[in-house]
Amino acid sequence: MLVTSRYHPAVFAAPAGVPILALTADAYTTVKLTGALGAWGQDGVHDLDIVTSDALSDAFDRIASTSAATRKTAGQAFPAARARAAAWWDRVVAAIPAG
């Protein structure tokens, strides 16, 4: 499990199927981490300004207990996500004038 308040660790961990507990301190980070986790079927984003220690403990337990399902979901979604990314880069390269 990854516990983070930063975007990039989540971006790399989520596609690998690592369960994530994301702790946010502002709305901007909440939006970024919600998107990064949501793209891979995760929802473990919690605002530190409003969450209690009991709620964090419950979230940790919930995320840990679903780690096998999280890995499976990411594993199933990864091939299609990789294909979409490759197609996007192919379009970028095709749009660059030769020479």
PDB file of N, CA and C in Angstrom:
ATOM      1  N   MET A   1       0.844  -1.173   0.000  1.00  0.00           N
ATOM      2  CA  MET A   1       0.000   0.000   0.000  1.00  0.00           C
ATOM      3  C   MET A   1       0.886   1.232   0.000  1.00  0.00           C
ATOM      4  N   LEU A   2       0.444   2.234  -0.758  1.00  0.00           N
ATOM      5  CA  LEU A   2       1.111   3.526  -0.781  1.00  0.00           C
ATOM      6  C   LEU A   2       0.265   4.522  -0.008  1.00  0.00           C
ATOM      7  N   VAL A   3       0.873   5.213   0.922  1.00  0.00           N
ATOM      8  CA  VAL A   3       0.229   6.332   1.608  1.00  0.00           C
ATOM      9  C   VAL A   3       0.996   7.569   1.168  1.00  0.00           C
ATOM     10  N   THR A   4       0.300   8.496   0.517  1.00  0.00           N
ATOM     11  CA  THR A   4       0.973   9.659  -0.050  1.00  0.00           C
ATOM     12  C   THR A   4       0.085  10.884  -0.029  1.00  0.00           C
ATOM     13  N   SER A   5       0.725  12.032  -0.094  1.00  0.00           N
ATOM     14  CA  SER A   5       0.012  13.281  -0.312  1.00  0.00           C
ATOM     15  C   SER A   5       0.472  13.903  -1.626  1.00  0.00           C
ATOM     16  N   ARG A   6       1.265  13.163  -2.371  1.00  0.00           N
ATOM     17  CA  ARG A   6       1.864  13.661  -3.609  1.00  0.00           C
ATOM     18  C   ARG A   6       1.276  12.952  -4.828  1.00  0.00           C
ATOM     19  N   TYR A   7       1.258  13.658  -5.940  1.00  0.00           N
ATOM     20  CA  TYR A   7       0.653  13.178  -7.177  1.00  0.00           C
ATOM     21  C   TYR A   7       1.484  12.099  -7.869  1.00  0.00           C
ATOM     22  N   HIS A   8       2.752  12.348  -8.082  1.00  0.00           N
ATOM     23  CA  HIS A   8       3.545  11.439  -8.899  1.00  0.00           C
ATOM     24  C   HIS A   8       3.685  10.026  -8.320  1.00  0.00           C
ATOM     25  N   PRO A   9       3.848   9.864  -7.026  1.00  0.00           N
ATOM     26  CA  PRO A   9       3.862   8.478  -6.536  1.00  0.00           C
ATOM     27  C   PRO A   9       2.558   7.734  -6.864  1.00  0.00           C
ATOM     28  N   ALA A  10       1.441   8.449  -6.783  1.00  0.00           N
ATOM     29  CA  ALA A  10       0.150   7.826  -7.092  1.00  0.00           C
ATOM     30  C   ALA A  10       0.046   7.489  -8.575  1.00  0.00           C
ATOM     31  N   VAL A  11       0.549   8.374  -9.431  1.00  0.00           N
ATOM     32  CA  VAL A  11       0.484   8.155 -10.876  1.00  0.00           C
ATOM     33  C   VAL A  11       1.240   6.891 -11.279  1.00  0.00           C
ATOM     34  N   PHE A  12       2.342   6.624 -10.613  1.00  0.00           N
ATOM     35  CA  PHE A  12       3.124   5.439 -10.960  1.00  0.00           C
ATOM     36  C   PHE A  12       2.623   4.183 -10.246  1.00  0.00           C
ATOM     37  N   ALA A  13       2.090   4.328  -9.055  1.00  0.00           N
ATOM     38  CA  ALA A  13       1.650   3.168  -8.286  1.00  0.00           C
ATOM     39  C   ALA A  13       0.298   2.628  -8.743  1.00  0.00           C
ATOM     40  N   ALA A  14      -0.632   3.506  -9.077  1.00  0.00           N
ATOM     41  CA  ALA A  14      -1.988   3.060  -9.424  1.00  0.00           C
ATOM     42  C   ALA A  14      -2.015   2.100 -10.609  1.00  0.00           C
ATOM     43  N   PRO A  15      -1.332   2.390 -11.731  1.00  0.00           N
ATOM     44  CA  PRO A  15      -1.370   1.437 -12.847  1.00  0.00           C
ATOM     45  C   PRO A  15      -0.727   0.099 -12.513  1.00  0.00           C
ATOM     46  N   ALA A  16       0.133   0.085 -11.510  1.00  0.00           N
ATOM     47  CA  ALA A  16       0.772  -1.163 -11.098  1.00  0.00           C
ATOM     48  C   ALA A  16      -0.115  -1.963 -10.142  1.00  0.00           C
ATOM     49  N   GLY A  17      -1.277  -1.407  -9.809  1.00  0.00           N
ATOM     50  CA  GLY A  17      -2.199  -2.115  -8.933  1.00  0.00           C
ATOM     51  C   GLY A  17      -1.900  -1.967  -7.459  1.00  0.00           C
ATOM     52  N   VAL A  18      -1.111  -0.974  -7.105  1.00  0.00           N
ATOM     53  CA  VAL A  18      -0.790  -0.727  -5.697  1.00  0.00           C
ATOM     54  C   VAL A  18      -1.962   0.029  -5.059  1.00  0.00           C
ATOM     55  N   PRO A  19      -2.524  -0.467  -3.979  1.00  0.00           N
ATOM     56  CA  PRO A  19      -3.585   0.263  -3.288  1.00  0.00           C
ATOM     57  C   PRO A  19      -3.024   1.558  -2.707  1.00  0.00           C
ATOM     58  N   ILE A  20      -3.801   2.641  -2.824  1.00  0.00           N
ATOM     59  CA  ILE A  20      -3.311   3.958  -2.427  1.00  0.00           C
ATOM     60  C   ILE A  20      -4.265   4.622  -1.448  1.00  0.00           C
ATOM     61  N   LEU A  21      -3.694   5.159  -0.374  1.00  0.00           N
ATOM     62  CA  LEU A  21      -4.390   6.048   0.539  1.00  0.00           C
ATOM     63  C   LEU A  21      -3.771   7.418   0.319  1.00  0.00           C
ATOM     64  N   ALA A  22      -4.534   8.316  -0.309  1.00  0.00           N
ATOM     65  CA  ALA A  22      -4.039   9.642  -0.652  1.00  0.00           C
ATOM     66  C   ALA A  22      -4.574  10.659   0.348  1.00  0.00           C
ATOM     67  N   LEU A  23      -3.687  11.389   0.975  1.00  0.00           N
ATOM     68  CA  LEU A  23      -4.043  12.389   1.974  1.00  0.00           C
ATOM     69  C   LEU A  23      -3.800  13.773   1.390  1.00  0.00           C
ATOM     70  N   THR A  24      -4.848  14.576   1.330  1.00  0.00           N
ATOM     71  CA  THR A  24      -4.730  15.864   0.664  1.00  0.00           C
ATOM     72  C   THR A  24      -4.906  17.022   1.640  1.00  0.00           C
ATOM     73  N   ALA A  25      -4.240  18.133   1.313  1.00  0.00           N
ATOM     74  CA  ALA A  25      -4.291  19.313   2.167  1.00  0.00           C
ATOM     75  C   ALA A  25      -4.988  20.488   1.496  1.00  0.00           C
ATOM     76  N   ASP A  26      -5.298  20.369   0.205  1.00  0.00           N
ATOM     77  CA  ASP A  26      -5.970  21.468  -0.493  1.00  0.00           C
ATOM     78  C   ASP A  26      -6.811  20.921  -1.638  1.00  0.00           C
ATOM     79  N   ALA A  27      -7.671  21.772  -2.170  1.00  0.00           N
ATOM     80  CA  ALA A  27      -8.605  21.345  -3.220  1.00  0.00           C
ATOM     81  C   ALA A  27      -7.878  20.935  -4.490  1.00  0.00           C
ATOM     82  N   TYR A  28      -6.818  21.642  -4.837  1.00  0.00           N
ATOM     83  CA  TYR A  28      -6.067  21.329  -6.052  1.00  0.00           C
ATOM     84  C   TYR A  28      -5.511  19.907  -6.002  1.00  0.00           C
ATOM     85  N   THR A  29      -4.893  19.551  -4.880  1.00  0.00           N
ATOM     86  CA  THR A  29      -4.329  18.215  -4.727  1.00  0.00           C
ATOM     87  C   THR A  29      -5.435  17.160  -4.679  1.00  0.00           C
ATOM     88  N   THR A  30      -6.563  17.502  -4.086  1.00  0.00           N
ATOM     89  CA  THR A  30      -7.700  16.582  -4.051  1.00  0.00           C
ATOM     90  C   THR A  30      -8.153  16.242  -5.467  1.00  0.00           C
ATOM     91  N   VAL A  31      -8.260  17.247  -6.321  1.00  0.00           N
ATOM     92  CA  VAL A  31      -8.679  17.019  -7.705  1.00  0.00           C
ATOM     93  C   VAL A  31      -7.655  16.150  -8.433  1.00  0.00           C
ATOM     94  N   LYS A  32      -6.383  16.474  -8.299  1.00  0.00           N
ATOM     95  CA  LYS A  32      -5.344  15.706  -8.991  1.00  0.00           C
ATOM     96  C   LYS A  32      -5.330  14.248  -8.541  1.00  0.00           C
ATOM     97  N   LEU A  33      -5.343  14.026  -7.239  1.00  0.00           N
ATOM     98  CA  LEU A  33      -5.258  12.656  -6.737  1.00  0.00           C
ATOM     99  C   LEU A  33      -6.547  11.877  -6.988  1.00  0.00           C
ATOM    100  N   THR A  34      -7.683  12.544  -6.946  1.00  0.00           N
ATOM    101  CA  THR A  34      -8.946  11.878  -7.266  1.00  0.00           C
ATOM    102  C   THR A  34      -8.917  11.376  -8.700  1.00  0.00           C
ATOM    103  N   GLY A  35      -8.399  12.184  -9.612  1.00  0.00           N
ATOM    104  CA  GLY A  35      -8.285  11.767 -11.009  1.00  0.00           C
ATOM    105  C   GLY A  35      -7.285  10.645 -11.199  1.00  0.00           C
ATOM    106  N   ALA A  36      -6.134  10.771 -10.542  1.00  0.00           N
ATOM    107  CA  ALA A  36      -5.090   9.751 -10.686  1.00  0.00           C
ATOM    108  C   ALA A  36      -5.564   8.398 -10.163  1.00  0.00           C
ATOM    109  N   LEU A  37      -6.255   8.393  -9.036  1.00  0.00           N
ATOM    110  CA  LEU A  37      -6.745   7.131  -8.482  1.00  0.00           C
ATOM    111  C   LEU A  37      -7.974   6.631  -9.223  1.00  0.00           C
ATOM    112  N   GLY A  38      -8.877   7.543  -9.538  1.00  0.00           N
ATOM    113  CA  GLY A  38     -10.128   7.165 -10.189  1.00  0.00           C
ATOM    114  C   GLY A  38      -9.926   6.515 -11.537  1.00  0.00           C
ATOM    115  N   ALA A  39      -8.893   6.927 -12.244  1.00  0.00           N
ATOM    116  CA  ALA A  39      -8.605   6.333 -13.548  1.00  0.00           C
ATOM    117  C   ALA A  39      -8.300   4.847 -13.441  1.00  0.00           C
ATOM    118  N   TRP A  40      -7.939   4.404 -12.257  1.00  0.00           N
ATOM    119  CA  TRP A  40      -7.588   2.994 -12.044  1.00  0.00           C
ATOM    120  C   TRP A  40      -8.537   2.320 -11.056  1.00  0.00           C
ATOM    121  N   GLY A  41      -9.718   2.930 -10.849  1.00  0.00           N
ATOM    122  CA  GLY A  41     -10.742   2.307 -10.022  1.00  0.00           C
ATOM    123  C   GLY A  41     -10.539   2.424  -8.527  1.00  0.00           C
ATOM    124  N   GLN A  42      -9.702   3.366  -8.117  1.00  0.00           N
ATOM    125  CA  GLN A  42      -9.470   3.550  -6.687  1.00  0.00           C
ATOM    126  C   GLN A  42     -10.137   4.844  -6.201  1.00  0.00           C
ATOM    127  N   ASP A  43     -10.454   4.888  -4.920  1.00  0.00           N
ATOM    128  CA  ASP A  43     -11.144   6.054  -4.368  1.00  0.00           C
ATOM    129  C   ASP A  43     -10.640   6.448  -2.977  1.00  0.00           C
ATOM    130  N   GLY A  44      -9.391   6.160  -2.680  1.00  0.00           N
ATOM    131  CA  GLY A  44      -8.868   6.381  -1.335  1.00  0.00           C
ATOM    132  C   GLY A  44      -8.315   7.771  -1.078  1.00  0.00           C
ATOM    133  N   VAL A  45      -9.018   8.813  -1.526  1.00  0.00           N
ATOM    134  CA  VAL A  45      -8.571  10.197  -1.312  1.00  0.00           C
ATOM    135  C   VAL A  45      -9.287  10.764  -0.099  1.00  0.00           C
ATOM    136  N   HIS A  46      -8.510  11.341   0.822  1.00  0.00           N
ATOM    137  CA  HIS A  46      -9.078  11.891   2.052  1.00  0.00           C
ATOM    138  C   HIS A  46      -8.461  13.248   2.354  1.00  0.00           C
ATOM    139  N   ASP A  47      -9.317  14.215   2.646  1.00  0.00           N
ATOM    140  CA  ASP A  47      -8.907  15.573   2.972  1.00  0.00           C
ATOM    141  C   ASP A  47      -8.503  15.634   4.443  1.00  0.00           C
ATOM    142  N   LEU A  48      -7.257  15.987   4.679  1.00  0.00           N
ATOM    143  CA  LEU A  48      -6.747  16.013   6.052  1.00  0.00           C
ATOM    144  C   LEU A  48      -7.437  17.045   6.933  1.00  0.00           C
ATOM    145  N   ASP A  49      -8.018  18.080   6.330  1.00  0.00           N
ATOM    146  CA  ASP A  49      -8.696  19.105   7.122  1.00  0.00           C
ATOM    147  C   ASP A  49      -9.995  18.615   7.743  1.00  0.00           C
ATOM    148  N   ILE A  50     -10.607  17.591   7.164  1.00  0.00           N
ATOM    149  CA  ILE A  50     -11.918  17.176   7.676  1.00  0.00           C
ATOM    150  C   ILE A  50     -11.970  15.733   8.156  1.00  0.00           C
ATOM    151  N   VAL A  51     -10.969  14.952   7.857  1.00  0.00           N
ATOM    152  CA  VAL A  51     -11.019  13.541   8.221  1.00  0.00           C
ATOM    153  C   VAL A  51     -10.506  13.336   9.650  1.00  0.00           C
ATOM    154  N   THR A  52     -11.104  12.391  10.338  1.00  0.00           N
ATOM    155  CA  THR A  52     -10.678  12.069  11.703  1.00  0.00           C
ATOM    156  C   THR A  52      -9.692  10.907  11.672  1.00  0.00           C
ATOM    157  N   SER A  53      -9.000  10.709  12.780  1.00  0.00           N
ATOM    158  CA  SER A  53      -8.060   9.589  12.836  1.00  0.00           C
ATOM    159  C   SER A  53      -8.798   8.251  12.722  1.00  0.00           C
ATOM    160  N   ASP A  54      -9.998   8.168  13.271  1.00  0.00           N
ATOM    161  CA  ASP A  54     -10.787   6.937  13.134  1.00  0.00           C
ATOM    162  C   ASP A  54     -11.159   6.686  11.676  1.00  0.00           C
ATOM    163  N   ALA A  55     -11.532   7.746  10.966  1.00  0.00           N
ATOM    164  CA  ALA A  55     -11.883   7.602   9.553  1.00  0.00           C
ATOM    165  C   ALA A  55     -10.665   7.177   8.740  1.00  0.00           C
ATOM    166  N   LEU A  56      -9.502   7.715   9.069  1.00  0.00           N
ATOM    167  CA  LEU A  56      -8.281   7.305   8.361  1.00  0.00           C
ATOM    168  C   LEU A  56      -7.952   5.851   8.641  1.00  0.00           C
ATOM    169  N   SER A  57      -8.138   5.437   9.873  1.00  0.00           N
ATOM    170  CA  SER A  57      -7.896   4.040  10.219  1.00  0.00           C
ATOM    171  C   SER A  57      -8.846   3.125   9.449  1.00  0.00           C
ATOM    172  N   ASP A  58     -10.111   3.521   9.373  1.00  0.00           N
ATOM    173  CA  ASP A  58     -11.102   2.743   8.620  1.00  0.00           C
ATOM    174  C   ASP A  58     -10.746   2.702   7.137  1.00  0.00           C
ATOM    175  N   ALA A  59     -10.315   3.845   6.592  1.00  0.00           N
ATOM    176  CA  ALA A  59      -9.931   3.904   5.179  1.00  0.00           C
ATOM    177  C   ALA A  59      -8.739   3.003   4.913  1.00  0.00           C
ATOM    178  N   PHE A  60      -7.763   3.043   5.799  1.00  0.00           N
ATOM    179  CA  PHE A  60      -6.578   2.191   5.655  1.00  0.00           C
ATOM    180  C   PHE A  60      -6.989   0.726   5.629  1.00  0.00           C
ATOM    181  N   ASP A  61      -7.831   0.338   6.570  1.00  0.00           N
ATOM    182  CA  ASP A  61      -8.293  -1.057   6.641  1.00  0.00           C
ATOM    183  C   ASP A  61      -9.074  -1.448   5.392  1.00  0.00           C
ATOM    184  N   ARG A  62      -9.958  -0.561   4.897  1.00  0.00           N
ATOM    185  CA  ARG A  62     -10.761  -0.848   3.709  1.00  0.00           C
ATOM    186  C   ARG A  62      -9.858  -1.014   2.485  1.00  0.00           C
ATOM    187  N   ILE A  63      -8.905  -0.103   2.331  1.00  0.00           N
ATOM    188  CA  ILE A  63      -8.012  -0.162   1.172  1.00  0.00           C
ATOM    189  C   ILE A  63      -7.137  -1.411   1.238  1.00  0.00           C
ATOM    190  N   ALA A  64      -6.634  -1.720   2.407  1.00  0.00           N
ATOM    191  CA  ALA A  64      -5.799  -2.915   2.560  1.00  0.00           C
ATOM    192  C   ALA A  64      -6.603  -4.186   2.274  1.00  0.00           C
ATOM    193  N   SER A  65      -7.851  -4.200   2.694  1.00  0.00           N
ATOM    194  CA  SER A  65      -8.659  -5.409   2.513  1.00  0.00           C
ATOM    195  C   SER A  65      -9.075  -5.633   1.067  1.00  0.00           C
ATOM    196  N   THR A  66      -8.986  -4.613   0.240  1.00  0.00           N
ATOM    197  CA  THR A  66      -9.374  -4.748  -1.164  1.00  0.00           C
ATOM    198  C   THR A  66      -8.155  -4.765  -2.089  1.00  0.00           C
ATOM    199  N   SER A  67      -6.979  -5.009  -1.541  1.00  0.00           N
ATOM    200  CA  SER A  67      -5.757  -4.921  -2.360  1.00  0.00           C
ATOM    201  C   SER A  67      -5.741  -5.930  -3.503  1.00  0.00           C
ATOM    202  N   ALA A  68      -6.244  -7.128  -3.296  1.00  0.00           N
ATOM    203  CA  ALA A  68      -6.258  -8.124  -4.374  1.00  0.00           C
ATOM    204  C   ALA A  68      -7.162  -7.662  -5.518  1.00  0.00           C
ATOM    205  N   ALA A  69      -8.314  -7.115  -5.188  1.00  0.00           N
ATOM    206  CA  ALA A  69      -9.234  -6.606  -6.210  1.00  0.00           C
ATOM    207  C   ALA A  69      -8.628  -5.399  -6.926  1.00  0.00           C
ATOM    208  N   THR A  70      -7.902  -4.568  -6.193  1.00  0.00           N
ATOM    209  CA  THR A  70      -7.251  -3.403  -6.791  1.00  0.00           C
ATOM    210  C   THR A  70      -6.213  -3.845  -7.812  1.00  0.00           C
ATOM    211  N   ARG A  71      -5.402  -4.832  -7.453  1.00  0.00           N
ATOM    212  CA  ARG A  71      -4.401  -5.352  -8.390  1.00  0.00           C
ATOM    213  C   ARG A  71      -5.066  -5.959  -9.627  1.00  0.00           C
ATOM    214  N   LYS A  72      -6.150  -6.690  -9.427  1.00  0.00           N
ATOM    215  CA  LYS A  72      -6.851  -7.317 -10.542  1.00  0.00           C
ATOM    216  C   LYS A  72      -7.439  -6.263 -11.480  1.00  0.00           C
ATOM    217  N   THR A  73      -8.079  -5.250 -10.915  1.00  0.00           N
ATOM    218  CA  THR A  73      -8.677  -4.180 -11.719  1.00  0.00           C
ATOM    219  C   THR A  73      -7.622  -3.469 -12.554  1.00  0.00           C
ATOM    220  N   ALA A  74      -6.508  -3.125 -11.926  1.00  0.00           N
ATOM    221  CA  ALA A  74      -5.435  -2.446 -12.662  1.00  0.00           C
ATOM    222  C   ALA A  74      -4.851  -3.350 -13.739  1.00  0.00           C
ATOM    223  N   GLY A  75      -4.675  -4.608 -13.418  1.00  0.00           N
ATOM    224  CA  GLY A  75      -4.134  -5.550 -14.397  1.00  0.00           C
ATOM    225  C   GLY A  75      -5.028  -5.701 -15.608  1.00  0.00           C
ATOM    226  N   GLN A  76      -6.339  -5.668 -15.390  1.00  0.00           N
ATOM    227  CA  GLN A  76      -7.275  -5.775 -16.499  1.00  0.00           C
ATOM    228  C   GLN A  76      -7.339  -4.492 -17.316  1.00  0.00           C
ATOM    229  N   ALA A  77      -7.199  -3.348 -16.666  1.00  0.00           N
ATOM    230  CA  ALA A  77      -7.309  -2.058 -17.347  1.00  0.00           C
ATOM    231  C   ALA A  77      -6.015  -1.644 -18.044  1.00  0.00           C
ATOM    232  N   PHE A  78      -4.887  -2.167 -17.594  1.00  0.00           N
ATOM    233  CA  PHE A  78      -3.586  -1.709 -18.104  1.00  0.00           C
ATOM    234  C   PHE A  78      -3.403  -1.902 -19.605  1.00  0.00           C
ATOM    235  N   PRO A  79      -3.709  -3.064 -20.191  1.00  0.00           N
ATOM    236  CA  PRO A  79      -3.478  -3.220 -21.635  1.00  0.00           C
ATOM    237  C   PRO A  79      -4.217  -2.175 -22.480  1.00  0.00           C
ATOM    238  N   ALA A  80      -5.469  -1.905 -22.154  1.00  0.00           N
ATOM    239  CA  ALA A  80      -6.239  -0.915 -22.921  1.00  0.00           C
ATOM    240  C   ALA A  80      -5.670   0.487 -22.709  1.00  0.00           C
ATOM    241  N   ALA A  81      -5.272   0.796 -21.483  1.00  0.00           N
ATOM    242  CA  ALA A  81      -4.686   2.114 -21.213  1.00  0.00           C
ATOM    243  C   ALA A  81      -3.372   2.279 -21.972  1.00  0.00           C
ATOM    244  N   ARG A  82      -2.587   1.238 -22.000  1.00  0.00           N
ATOM    245  CA  ARG A  82      -1.320   1.296 -22.735  1.00  0.00           C
ATOM    246  C   ARG A  82      -1.571   1.475 -24.231  1.00  0.00           C
ATOM    247  N   ALA A  83      -2.559   0.779 -24.776  1.00  0.00           N
ATOM    248  CA  ALA A  83      -2.891   0.912 -26.193  1.00  0.00           C
ATOM    249  C   ALA A  83      -3.372   2.329 -26.514  1.00  0.00           C
ATOM    250  N   ARG A  84      -4.203   2.916 -25.627  1.00  0.00           N
ATOM    251  CA  ARG A  84      -4.656   4.294 -25.847  1.00  0.00           C
ATOM    252  C   ARG A  84      -3.479   5.265 -25.832  1.00  0.00           C
ATOM    253  N   ALA A  85      -2.557   5.078 -24.909  1.00  0.00           N
ATOM    254  CA  ALA A  85      -1.385   5.955 -24.830  1.00  0.00           C
ATOM    255  C   ALA A  85      -0.515   5.809 -26.071  1.00  0.00           C
ATOM    256  N   ALA A  86      -0.308   4.588 -26.519  1.00  0.00           N
ATOM    257  CA  ALA A  86       0.499   4.365 -27.718  1.00  0.00           C
ATOM    258  C   ALA A  86      -0.164   4.999 -28.941  1.00  0.00           C
ATOM    259  N   ALA A  87      -1.468   4.865 -29.068  1.00  0.00           N
ATOM    260  CA  ALA A  87      -2.192   5.469 -30.197  1.00  0.00           C
ATOM    261  C   ALA A  87      -2.091   6.986 -30.145  1.00  0.00           C
ATOM    262  N   TRP A  88      -2.167   7.555 -28.957  1.00  0.00           N
ATOM    263  CA  TRP A  88      -2.041   9.014 -28.809  1.00  0.00           C
ATOM    264  C   TRP A  88      -0.667   9.475 -29.281  1.00  0.00           C
ATOM    265  N   TRP A  89       0.377   8.776 -28.838  1.00  0.00           N
ATOM    266  CA  TRP A  89       1.725   9.156 -29.264  1.00  0.00           C
ATOM    267  C   TRP A  89       1.915   8.954 -30.764  1.00  0.00           C
ATOM    268  N   ASP A  90       1.302   7.940 -31.330  1.00  0.00           N
ATOM    269  CA  ASP A  90       1.362   7.750 -32.780  1.00  0.00           C
ATOM    270  C   ASP A  90       0.733   8.941 -33.509  1.00  0.00           C
ATOM    271  N   ARG A  91      -0.396   9.465 -32.988  1.00  0.00           N
ATOM    272  CA  ARG A  91      -1.026  10.629 -33.590  1.00  0.00           C
ATOM    273  C   ARG A  91      -0.146  11.865 -33.444  1.00  0.00           C
ATOM    274  N   VAL A  92       0.511  12.012 -32.312  1.00  0.00           N
ATOM    275  CA  VAL A  92       1.421  13.149 -32.111  1.00  0.00           C
ATOM    276  C   VAL A  92       2.555  13.100 -33.126  1.00  0.00           C
ATOM    277  N   VAL A  93       3.180  11.960 -33.260  1.00  0.00           N
ATOM    278  CA  VAL A  93       4.293  11.807 -34.202  1.00  0.00           C
ATOM    279  C   VAL A  93       3.824  12.056 -35.631  1.00  0.00           C
ATOM    280  N   ALA A  94       2.647  11.550 -35.974  1.00  0.00           N
ATOM    281  CA  ALA A  94       2.132  11.729 -37.334  1.00  0.00           C
ATOM    282  C   ALA A  94       1.831  13.197 -37.634  1.00  0.00           C
ATOM    283  N   ALA A  95       1.553  13.984 -36.616  1.00  0.00           N
ATOM    284  CA  ALA A  95       1.233  15.397 -36.807  1.00  0.00           C
ATOM    285  C   ALA A  95       2.464  16.269 -36.962  1.00  0.00           C
ATOM    286  N   ILE A  96       3.633  15.749 -36.645  1.00  0.00           N
ATOM    287  CA  ILE A  96       4.875  16.526 -36.763  1.00  0.00           C
ATOM    288  C   ILE A  96       5.351  16.448 -38.217  1.00  0.00           C
ATOM    289  N   PRO A  97       5.533  17.627 -38.839  1.00  0.00           N
ATOM    290  CA  PRO A  97       5.989  17.604 -40.214  1.00  0.00           C
ATOM    291  C   PRO A  97       7.376  16.956 -40.343  1.00  0.00           C
ATOM    292  N   ALA A  98       7.553  16.186 -41.372  1.00  0.00           N
ATOM    293  CA  ALA A  98       8.842  15.536 -41.622  1.00  0.00           C
ATOM    294  C   ALA A  98       9.836  16.561 -42.147  1.00  0.00           C
ATOM    295  N   GLY A  99      11.073  16.345 -41.772  1.00  0.00           N
ATOM    296  CA  GLY A  99      12.151  17.018 -42.354  1.00  0.00           C
ATOM    297  C   GLY A  99      12.618  18.309 -42.038  1.00  0.00           C
TER     298      GLY A  99
END
